[in-house]
Amino acid sequence: MSERPDGQRPDLPPGEPRYEPAPGVGRLALWVLLFAVAALAVVLGGVYFT
């Protein structure tokens, strides 16, 4: 996306709010998902082996 010097995107009308995720949100969500899958694997493994 091209940015104008005033920080507005050219495809949006002036004054329109911009909703963009912070730069690290996707990576954080990936780590949370990985942690949840690992926790689920530990719980299911504990249930299976008891």
C-alpha atoms as a PDB file:
ATOM      1  CA  MET A   1       0.000   0.000   0.000  1.00  0.00           C
ATOM      2  CA  SER A   2       1.264   3.401  -0.825  1.00  0.00           C
ATOM      3  CA  GLU A   3       1.216   6.008   1.903  1.00  0.00           C
ATOM      4  CA  ARG A   4       0.975   9.708   1.313  1.00  0.00           C
ATOM      5  CA  PRO A   5       3.212  11.996   3.362  1.00  0.00           C
ATOM      6  CA  ASP A   6       0.247  12.964   5.548  1.00  0.00           C
ATOM      7  CA  GLY A   7      -0.302   9.304   6.502  1.00  0.00           C
ATOM      8  CA  GLN A   8      -3.630   8.830   4.710  1.00  0.00           C
ATOM      9  CA  ARG A   9      -4.123   5.975   2.270  1.00  0.00           C
ATOM     10  CA  PRO A  10      -5.127   7.230  -1.187  1.00  0.00           C
ATOM     11  CA  ASP A  11      -7.947   4.656  -1.542  1.00  0.00           C
ATOM     12  CA  LEU A  12      -9.830   5.953   1.531  1.00  0.00           C
ATOM     13  CA  PRO A  13     -11.662   9.252   1.756  1.00  0.00           C
ATOM     14  CA  PRO A  14     -10.108  11.819   4.108  1.00  0.00           C
ATOM     15  CA  GLY A  15     -11.165  11.432   7.711  1.00  0.00           C
ATOM     16  CA  GLU A  16     -12.045   7.741   7.320  1.00  0.00           C
ATOM     17  CA  PRO A  17     -10.620   5.709  10.240  1.00  0.00           C
ATOM     18  CA  ARG A  18      -8.029   3.105   9.372  1.00  0.00           C
ATOM     19  CA  TYR A  19      -8.163  -0.332  10.989  1.00  0.00           C
ATOM     20  CA  GLU A  20      -4.851  -2.103  10.636  1.00  0.00           C
ATOM     21  CA  PRO A  21      -3.421  -4.627  13.080  1.00  0.00           C
ATOM     22  CA  ALA A  22      -0.225  -3.817  14.908  1.00  0.00           C
ATOM     23  CA  PRO A  23       2.891  -5.286  13.278  1.00  0.00           C
ATOM     24  CA  GLY A  24       3.281  -8.173  15.737  1.00  0.00           C
ATOM     25  CA  VAL A  25      -0.332  -9.304  16.185  1.00  0.00           C
ATOM     26  CA  GLY A  26      -0.210 -12.170  13.671  1.00  0.00           C
ATOM     27  CA  ARG A  27       2.970 -13.589  15.149  1.00  0.00           C
ATOM     28  CA  LEU A  28       1.551 -13.343  18.671  1.00  0.00           C
ATOM     29  CA  ALA A  29      -1.611 -15.167  17.587  1.00  0.00           C
ATOM     30  CA  LEU A  30       0.550 -17.898  16.025  1.00  0.00           C
ATOM     31  CA  TRP A  31       2.464 -18.402  19.298  1.00  0.00           C
ATOM     32  CA  VAL A  32      -0.788 -18.522  21.307  1.00  0.00           C
ATOM     33  CA  LEU A  33      -2.213 -21.108  18.901  1.00  0.00           C
ATOM     34  CA  LEU A  34       0.979 -23.173  19.111  1.00  0.00           C
ATOM     35  CA  PHE A  35       0.872 -23.053  22.909  1.00  0.00           C
ATOM     36  CA  ALA A  36      -2.802 -24.129  22.931  1.00  0.00           C
ATOM     37  CA  VAL A  37      -2.098 -27.075  20.604  1.00  0.00           C
ATOM     38  CA  ALA A  38       0.860 -28.157  22.747  1.00  0.00           C
ATOM     39  CA  ALA A  39      -1.228 -27.924  25.926  1.00  0.00           C
ATOM     40  CA  LEU A  40      -3.997 -29.966  24.302  1.00  0.00           C
ATOM     41  CA  ALA A  41      -1.463 -32.610  23.235  1.00  0.00           C
ATOM     42  CA  VAL A  42      -0.134 -32.836  26.800  1.00  0.00           C
ATOM     43  CA  VAL A  43      -3.634 -33.187  28.263  1.00  0.00           C
ATOM     44  CA  LEU A  44      -4.739 -35.783  25.709  1.00  0.00           C
ATOM     45  CA  GLY A  45      -1.480 -37.696  26.178  1.00  0.00           C
ATOM     46  CA  GLY A  46      -2.008 -37.694  29.937  1.00  0.00           C
ATOM     47  CA  VAL A  47      -5.563 -38.966  29.538  1.00  0.00           C
ATOM     48  CA  TYR A  48      -4.495 -41.650  27.047  1.00  0.00           C
ATOM     49  CA  PHE A  49      -1.646 -43.025  29.185  1.00  0.00           C
ATOM     50  CA  THR A  50      -3.598 -43.236  32.453  1.00  0.00           C
END
